Structure formats: structure tokens, C-alpha cells
Protein backbone atom coordinates (compact mmCIF):
# COMPACT_ATOMS: atom_id res chain seq x y z
CA MET A 1 1.21 3.85 49.38
CA GLN A 2 3.73 1.63 47.74
CA LEU A 3 1.30 -1.18 47.56
CA TRP A 4 -1.10 1.10 45.79
CA TYR A 5 1.50 2.03 43.19
CA LEU A 6 2.34 -1.60 42.65
CA LEU A 7 -1.36 -2.54 42.17
CA LYS A 8 -1.76 0.38 39.82
CA GLU A 9 1.25 -0.64 37.74
CA LYS A 10 0.07 -4.23 37.62
CA PHE A 11 -3.33 -3.12 36.47
CA ILE A 12 -1.93 -0.95 33.74
CA LYS A 13 0.22 -3.91 32.46
CA ASN A 14 -2.78 -6.18 32.41
CA LEU A 15 -4.89 -3.61 30.66
CA LEU A 16 -2.28 -3.07 27.96
CA PHE A 17 -1.89 -6.86 27.66
CA CYS A 18 -5.68 -7.13 27.07
CA THR A 19 -5.72 -4.43 24.38
CA ALA A 20 -2.82 -6.24 22.55
CA LEU A 21 -4.70 -9.64 22.96
CA VAL A 22 -7.87 -8.05 21.51
CA ALA A 23 -5.93 -6.76 18.46
CA VAL A 24 -4.35 -10.16 17.92
CA LEU A 25 -7.65 -12.06 18.30
CA GLY A 26 -9.24 -9.53 15.91
CA VAL A 27 -6.74 -10.30 13.19
CA ILE A 28 -7.11 -14.14 13.82
CA LEU A 29 -10.90 -14.01 13.65
CA ILE A 30 -10.94 -11.94 10.42
CA THR A 31 -8.43 -14.35 8.91
CA PHE A 32 -10.40 -17.35 9.84
CA PHE A 33 -13.69 -15.73 8.60
CA VAL A 34 -12.31 -14.84 5.15
CA PHE A 35 -10.53 -18.12 4.59
CA SER A 36 -13.40 -20.37 5.90
CA ARG A 37 -15.94 -18.56 3.62
CA GLY A 38 -13.63 -18.98 0.68
CA TRP A 39 -12.63 -22.38 1.22
CA PRO A 40 -15.72 -24.05 -0.44
CA PHE A 41 -14.90 -22.15 -3.59
CA TRP A 42 -11.36 -23.46 -3.74
CA GLN A 43 -12.58 -27.02 -3.14
CA LYS A 44 -15.05 -26.78 -6.00
CA TYR A 45 -13.13 -24.88 -8.66
CA GLY A 46 -9.55 -25.65 -7.73
CA LEU A 47 -6.61 -23.38 -6.85
CA VAL A 48 -4.57 -23.74 -10.04
CA LYS A 49 -7.53 -23.49 -12.39
CA THR A 50 -8.75 -20.33 -10.79
CA LEU A 51 -5.40 -18.54 -10.49
CA ALA A 52 -4.60 -19.45 -14.12
CA GLY A 53 -8.06 -18.53 -15.44
CA THR A 54 -8.06 -15.69 -17.95
CA ARG A 55 -11.80 -14.85 -17.90
CA TRP A 56 -13.90 -13.47 -15.01
CA LEU A 57 -17.59 -13.97 -15.87
CA PRO A 58 -19.61 -14.50 -12.64
CA GLY A 59 -22.90 -14.68 -14.58
CA ASP A 60 -21.54 -17.85 -16.32
CA LEU A 61 -19.80 -19.13 -13.15
CA VAL A 62 -16.41 -18.52 -14.73
CA PHE A 63 -13.93 -17.24 -12.16
CA GLY A 64 -10.43 -16.72 -13.59
CA LEU A 65 -8.26 -14.45 -11.50
CA ILE A 66 -5.65 -13.50 -14.02
CA PRO A 67 -7.47 -10.33 -15.13
CA LEU A 68 -7.83 -9.14 -11.52
CA ILE A 69 -4.23 -9.95 -10.69
CA VAL A 70 -2.85 -8.27 -13.77
CA GLY A 71 -4.91 -5.15 -13.16
CA SER A 72 -3.71 -4.96 -9.52
CA PHE A 73 -0.10 -5.41 -10.68
CA TYR A 74 -0.32 -2.68 -13.19
CA VAL A 75 -1.74 -0.02 -10.90
CA THR A 76 0.62 -1.00 -8.16
CA ALA A 77 3.65 -0.87 -10.38
CA ILE A 78 2.71 2.48 -11.77
CA ALA A 79 2.15 3.90 -8.29
CA THR A 80 5.43 2.51 -7.15
CA LEU A 81 7.38 3.82 -10.04
CA LEU A 82 5.89 7.35 -9.59
CA ALA A 83 5.79 7.53 -5.77
CA VAL A 84 9.21 6.09 -4.80
CA PRO A 85 11.45 8.77 -6.43
CA LEU A 86 9.12 11.63 -5.26
CA GLY A 87 8.71 10.12 -1.73
CA VAL A 88 12.35 9.29 -1.15
CA GLY A 89 13.41 12.66 -2.56
CA CYS A 90 11.00 14.56 -0.26
CA ALA A 91 12.26 12.44 2.75
CA ILE A 92 15.84 13.46 1.93
CA PHE A 93 14.82 17.06 1.53
CA LEU A 94 12.93 17.15 4.88
CA SER A 95 15.56 15.32 6.89
CA GLU A 96 18.84 16.80 5.41
CA ILE A 97 18.18 20.00 3.43
CA ALA A 98 15.02 21.78 4.48
CA SER A 99 15.09 24.70 6.79
CA ASP A 100 12.85 24.80 9.91
CA THR A 101 10.43 27.00 7.98
CA TRP A 102 9.98 24.56 5.08
CA SER A 103 9.74 21.61 7.46
CA LYS A 104 6.97 23.38 9.42
CA MET A 105 5.10 23.99 6.14
CA LEU A 106 5.53 20.59 4.53
CA ARG A 107 4.87 18.23 7.45
CA PRO A 108 1.33 19.47 8.09
CA ALA A 109 0.68 19.31 4.41
CA LEU A 110 1.86 15.61 4.27
CA SER A 111 -0.37 14.85 7.31
CA LEU A 112 -3.28 16.39 5.57
CA LEU A 113 -2.54 14.40 2.46
CA ALA A 114 -2.61 11.19 4.52
CA ALA A 115 -5.95 12.22 6.14
CA ILE A 116 -7.86 12.90 2.91
CA PRO A 117 -10.63 10.15 2.36
CA SER A 118 -9.98 7.90 -0.59
CA VAL A 119 -13.34 8.92 -2.21
CA VAL A 120 -11.95 12.49 -2.47
CA TYR A 121 -8.92 11.19 -4.32
CA GLY A 122 -11.35 9.27 -6.52
CA PHE A 123 -13.31 12.38 -7.26
CA PHE A 124 -10.06 14.25 -8.17
CA GLY A 125 -9.20 11.46 -10.57
CA LEU A 126 -12.66 11.39 -12.05
CA ILE A 127 -12.81 15.09 -12.68
CA VAL A 128 -9.18 15.95 -13.44
CA LEU A 129 -7.11 12.84 -14.43
CA VAL A 130 -9.64 10.82 -16.53
CA PRO A 131 -10.40 13.80 -18.83
CA ALA A 132 -6.75 14.68 -19.08
CA ILE A 133 -5.69 11.16 -20.08
CA ARG A 134 -8.64 11.04 -22.56
CA ARG A 135 -7.50 14.33 -24.13
CA TYR A 136 -3.78 13.75 -24.27
CA PHE A 137 -3.43 10.02 -24.69
CA GLY A 138 -6.82 8.99 -26.19
CA GLY A 139 -9.09 6.22 -25.20
CA LEU A 140 -11.76 6.37 -22.64
CA GLY A 141 -9.61 8.00 -19.94
CA PHE A 142 -10.76 5.43 -17.45
CA SER A 143 -7.60 3.46 -17.27
CA LEU A 144 -4.91 1.63 -15.24
CA LEU A 145 -2.72 4.71 -15.69
CA ALA A 146 -5.35 6.83 -13.91
CA GLY A 147 -5.50 4.33 -11.04
CA GLY A 148 -1.76 4.20 -10.75
CA ILE A 149 -1.37 7.98 -10.62
CA ILE A 150 -4.01 8.28 -7.91
CA LEU A 151 -2.50 5.51 -5.83
CA ALA A 152 0.93 7.21 -6.19
CA ILE A 153 -0.47 10.29 -4.64
CA MET A 154 -2.18 8.24 -1.87
CA ILE A 155 0.97 6.23 -0.84
CA LEU A 156 3.28 9.23 -0.78
CA PRO A 157 2.77 10.01 2.89
CA THR A 158 3.67 6.46 3.84
CA ILE A 159 6.93 6.41 1.87
CA ILE A 160 7.86 9.88 2.97
CA SER A 161 7.30 9.47 6.71
CA ILE A 162 8.95 6.05 7.06
CA SER A 163 11.83 6.98 4.86
CA GLU A 164 12.41 10.23 6.71
CA ASP A 165 12.40 8.29 10.01
CA ALA A 166 14.96 5.90 8.58
CA ILE A 167 17.19 8.67 7.37
CA ARG A 168 17.00 10.59 10.70
CA ALA A 169 17.87 7.39 12.48
CA VAL A 170 21.34 7.25 10.87
CA PRO A 171 24.01 8.19 13.48
CA LYS A 172 25.35 11.72 13.20
CA SER A 173 28.82 10.21 13.32
CA TYR A 174 28.41 8.87 9.77
CA LYS A 175 27.73 12.41 8.42
CA GLU A 176 30.46 13.87 10.51
CA ALA A 177 33.02 11.36 9.39
CA SER A 178 32.16 11.83 5.76
CA LEU A 179 32.40 15.59 5.92
CA ALA A 180 35.69 15.33 7.81
CA LEU A 181 37.05 13.25 4.91
CA GLY A 182 36.37 16.02 2.51
CA ALA A 183 33.10 14.86 0.96
CA SER A 184 30.47 17.43 -0.03
CA HIS A 185 27.08 17.60 1.49
CA TRP A 186 25.60 15.86 -1.50
CA GLN A 187 28.24 13.23 -1.52
CA THR A 188 27.66 12.51 2.18
CA ILE A 189 23.84 12.07 1.48
CA TYR A 190 24.43 9.86 -1.48
CA ARG A 191 27.40 7.67 -0.34
CA ALA A 192 26.94 7.64 3.54
CA ILE A 193 23.47 8.48 4.73
CA ILE A 194 21.26 6.82 2.07
CA PRO A 195 23.17 3.48 2.18
CA ALA A 196 22.92 3.42 5.99
CA ALA A 197 19.19 4.09 5.74
CA ARG A 198 18.62 1.65 2.90
CA SER A 199 16.68 -0.98 4.80
CA GLY A 200 14.26 1.52 6.21
CA ILE A 201 13.76 3.11 2.96
CA ILE A 202 13.10 -0.34 1.24
CA ALA A 203 10.60 -1.14 3.97
CA ALA A 204 8.83 2.17 3.36
CA VAL A 205 8.55 1.35 -0.28
CA ILE A 206 7.18 -2.15 0.47
CA LEU A 207 4.65 -0.88 2.95
CA GLY A 208 3.58 1.70 0.28
CA ILE A 209 3.08 -1.19 -2.11
CA GLY A 210 0.95 -2.87 0.53
CA ARG A 211 -1.11 0.28 0.92
CA ALA A 212 -1.60 0.45 -2.84
CA LEU A 213 -2.67 -3.20 -3.10
CA GLY A 214 -5.39 -2.75 -0.48
CA GLU A 215 -7.01 0.53 -1.80
CA THR A 216 -10.47 0.15 -3.15
CA MET A 217 -12.69 3.25 -3.61
CA ALA A 218 -10.35 5.62 -5.50
CA VAL A 219 -9.35 2.73 -7.87
CA ILE A 220 -12.93 1.75 -8.59
CA MET A 221 -13.83 5.41 -9.60
CA VAL A 222 -11.08 5.75 -12.19
CA THR A 223 -9.97 2.38 -13.71
CA GLY A 224 -13.17 1.47 -15.56
CA ASN A 225 -13.62 -1.90 -13.85
CA ARG A 226 -13.49 -4.06 -16.97
CA PRO A 227 -12.56 -7.66 -16.08
CA LEU A 228 -10.36 -8.22 -19.20
CA ILE A 229 -6.64 -8.63 -19.49
CA PRO A 230 -5.44 -5.07 -20.43
CA GLY A 231 -3.36 -4.56 -23.43
CA SER A 232 -1.70 -1.47 -22.11
CA ILE A 233 -1.85 0.95 -19.16
CA LEU A 234 -4.32 3.07 -21.16
CA ASP A 235 -6.93 0.40 -21.17
CA PRO A 236 -9.65 0.01 -18.56
CA GLY A 237 -8.98 -2.68 -16.03
CA VAL A 238 -10.01 -4.02 -12.68
CA THR A 239 -8.22 -4.90 -9.44
CA LEU A 240 -8.70 -7.51 -6.74
CA THR A 241 -10.13 -4.83 -4.34
CA GLY A 242 -12.19 -3.24 -7.04
CA THR A 243 -13.96 -6.49 -7.96
CA ILE A 244 -14.97 -7.07 -4.32
CA GLY A 245 -16.19 -3.55 -3.92
CA THR A 246 -18.19 -3.41 -7.19
CA GLU A 247 -19.71 -6.90 -7.22
CA TRP A 248 -20.55 -7.60 -3.59
CA SER A 249 -23.92 -5.85 -3.68
CA TYR A 250 -25.49 -8.12 -6.29
CA ALA A 251 -23.45 -11.32 -5.86
CA SER A 252 -25.32 -14.61 -5.72
CA GLU A 253 -24.35 -17.40 -3.29
CA GLU A 254 -21.79 -18.90 -5.66
CA HIS A 255 -20.51 -15.52 -6.59
CA THR A 256 -20.18 -14.50 -2.90
CA THR A 257 -17.92 -17.39 -2.16
CA ALA A 258 -15.84 -16.45 -5.19
CA LEU A 259 -15.41 -12.91 -3.81
CA PHE A 260 -14.33 -14.40 -0.48
CA ALA A 261 -11.74 -16.44 -2.37
CA VAL A 262 -10.61 -13.17 -4.09
CA GLY A 263 -10.41 -11.59 -0.61
CA SER A 264 -8.20 -14.55 0.66
CA VAL A 265 -5.75 -13.95 -2.32
CA LEU A 266 -5.62 -10.31 -1.58
CA PHE A 267 -5.10 -11.03 2.11
CA LEU A 268 -2.17 -13.23 1.44
CA LEU A 269 -0.64 -10.87 -0.94
CA ILE A 270 -0.73 -7.97 1.51
CA MET A 271 0.39 -10.17 4.45
CA LEU A 272 3.29 -11.26 2.34
CA VAL A 273 4.28 -7.68 1.42
CA ASN A 274 3.98 -6.47 5.07
CA SER A 275 5.99 -9.45 6.33
CA ILE A 276 8.80 -8.79 3.91
CA ALA A 277 8.78 -5.06 4.90
CA MET A 278 9.02 -6.11 8.66
CA LEU A 279 11.83 -8.56 7.94
CA ILE A 280 13.87 -5.98 6.00
CA ARG A 281 13.35 -3.37 8.67
CA THR A 282 14.28 -5.79 11.48
CA ARG A 283 17.44 -6.93 9.76
CA GLY A 284 18.46 -3.39 9.06
CA GLU A 285 18.04 -2.51 12.76
CA LEU A 286 20.14 -5.55 13.76
CA LYS A 287 22.92 -4.29 11.61
């Protein structure tokens, strides 16, 4: 009987190792595929020239990434500025203030928010946000502002859930000591709990940024997809993901390698963002 349990335990360990290995190999193969397909483009057009180019005209074989990078930066920055205060505030409310009744109501709603397909968010932006921006701010309505607002809604569950976990992970002794010294509940939250959970909250924000950078469908539907450097957030624009999503279906051979190059830039940006988040979270846990 003991031998059977040992064999069973060994089998489970090997099975789990194989699943982890498959995941790692999948990431390696995808990385190799994207970069190998994009490498001929970098050899022909040059890294500096492409990254510094201000025009994206695939029909004329002009592939400047500045309009795409600027568009991605704008929508991600808008989403971050809107989602961080709301997300962190909601996390504080759920972990430190909300009653059990409110928690039972809000958590399923947040789970539902995370489960909604991106195309549904895109339809919401198309029907509600774009006309509202056109009416109150002028212009076409299809704009970087619309993309940023939609992304802010989409990254809220990520920021809220990770921030809440970070706040709940703060030892209760911190709160008890602060209250024992005469601090109010709000002073305890602001001066004791939030500083202690800072690394986890920062990691939540950075992971939210990574989520915003990688979103495609909803952004395509509301930003206007114009590959020009925008003058303001009310102008139409295009993102790295949006360019790949909209142009892949009709891309020629040269154009296809350019899109793989765009994908490699996007891959590196998201990998960098996620690595920073993991580093911050790890350093916070070590403290």
C-alpha cells in the first residue's frame, strides 16, 4: 500500500512537471516564431529608422512605428490615470470598509466585469462613448480618449483584485498597533496599511498597464485606426495591437513581416512591463 502511494505521488509530481514544461515550451516557441518572422524586416529596414519613423504607409513600403507607439502610449496612459484611483479605492473599500453584504454583492460583479468579452466592451464604446464624445467634445468621436476609457473599464478587475490581495496580506498587527497609538481608522489605512501594501499595489497597476497594452478588439472599434501622430486625445489614432488586428487580413509579404516586427516590439514591451511587476512584487514580499 505504501509503495502504491509513493508511485502515485511520483506520478503526480511528474505530471505537474510536464504541464509546467509544456507552458514554458509554449512561450519559448511563440517567442521564437514572432521574432524569427520579424527578423528579416529589421535586417532590411533597420531598427533605429523604423522606431524613429513618423509615417506608417504599408502601400508605399514606409513603416515608421512612432504613430503606433504614440497611440498605444496615449490610450494606456488615459486608462491608467482613470483606472488606478478607482481600482485602488475599490480595493481599499472591499478590504477595509465594506460589510459582508457589500462584499458579496461587489465581488461577483467584478468577476463578471473580468469575464465580459472585449468585443462587448467595444460595442459599448461604439454605441455610447463615441457619440457622447462627439456630442460634448466635438470631432468624430472615434478617438484615443474613447479607447482609453474603454481600457480603463477593462483593466479595473486586474487592479482591484491584486490590490485587494496586497492589502489583505498586510499583517493585522500593523492595524492593531496603529489603532492602539490613537490613530483613526482612516489614518490607519492611509499611514499604515497602504504603505505596507505599496509594492503589491504598484505591481497591480503595472499588470493593468500590461493588460491595456495587449488589448486589441475593443481598441480597434473606438479609436478610429488612423496611422498618424495625434495632436490631442480627441483625435483618432492607432495602436500597435490595432495595427496588427486591422491590417493582417490584407497584408502582402513585405507588409506581413512588418506586422511581425510590430508584434515583436509589442511582445518586448509587455514582457518588460510584466517583468517589472514581478520584480516589484518579489521585492515587496522579501521585505
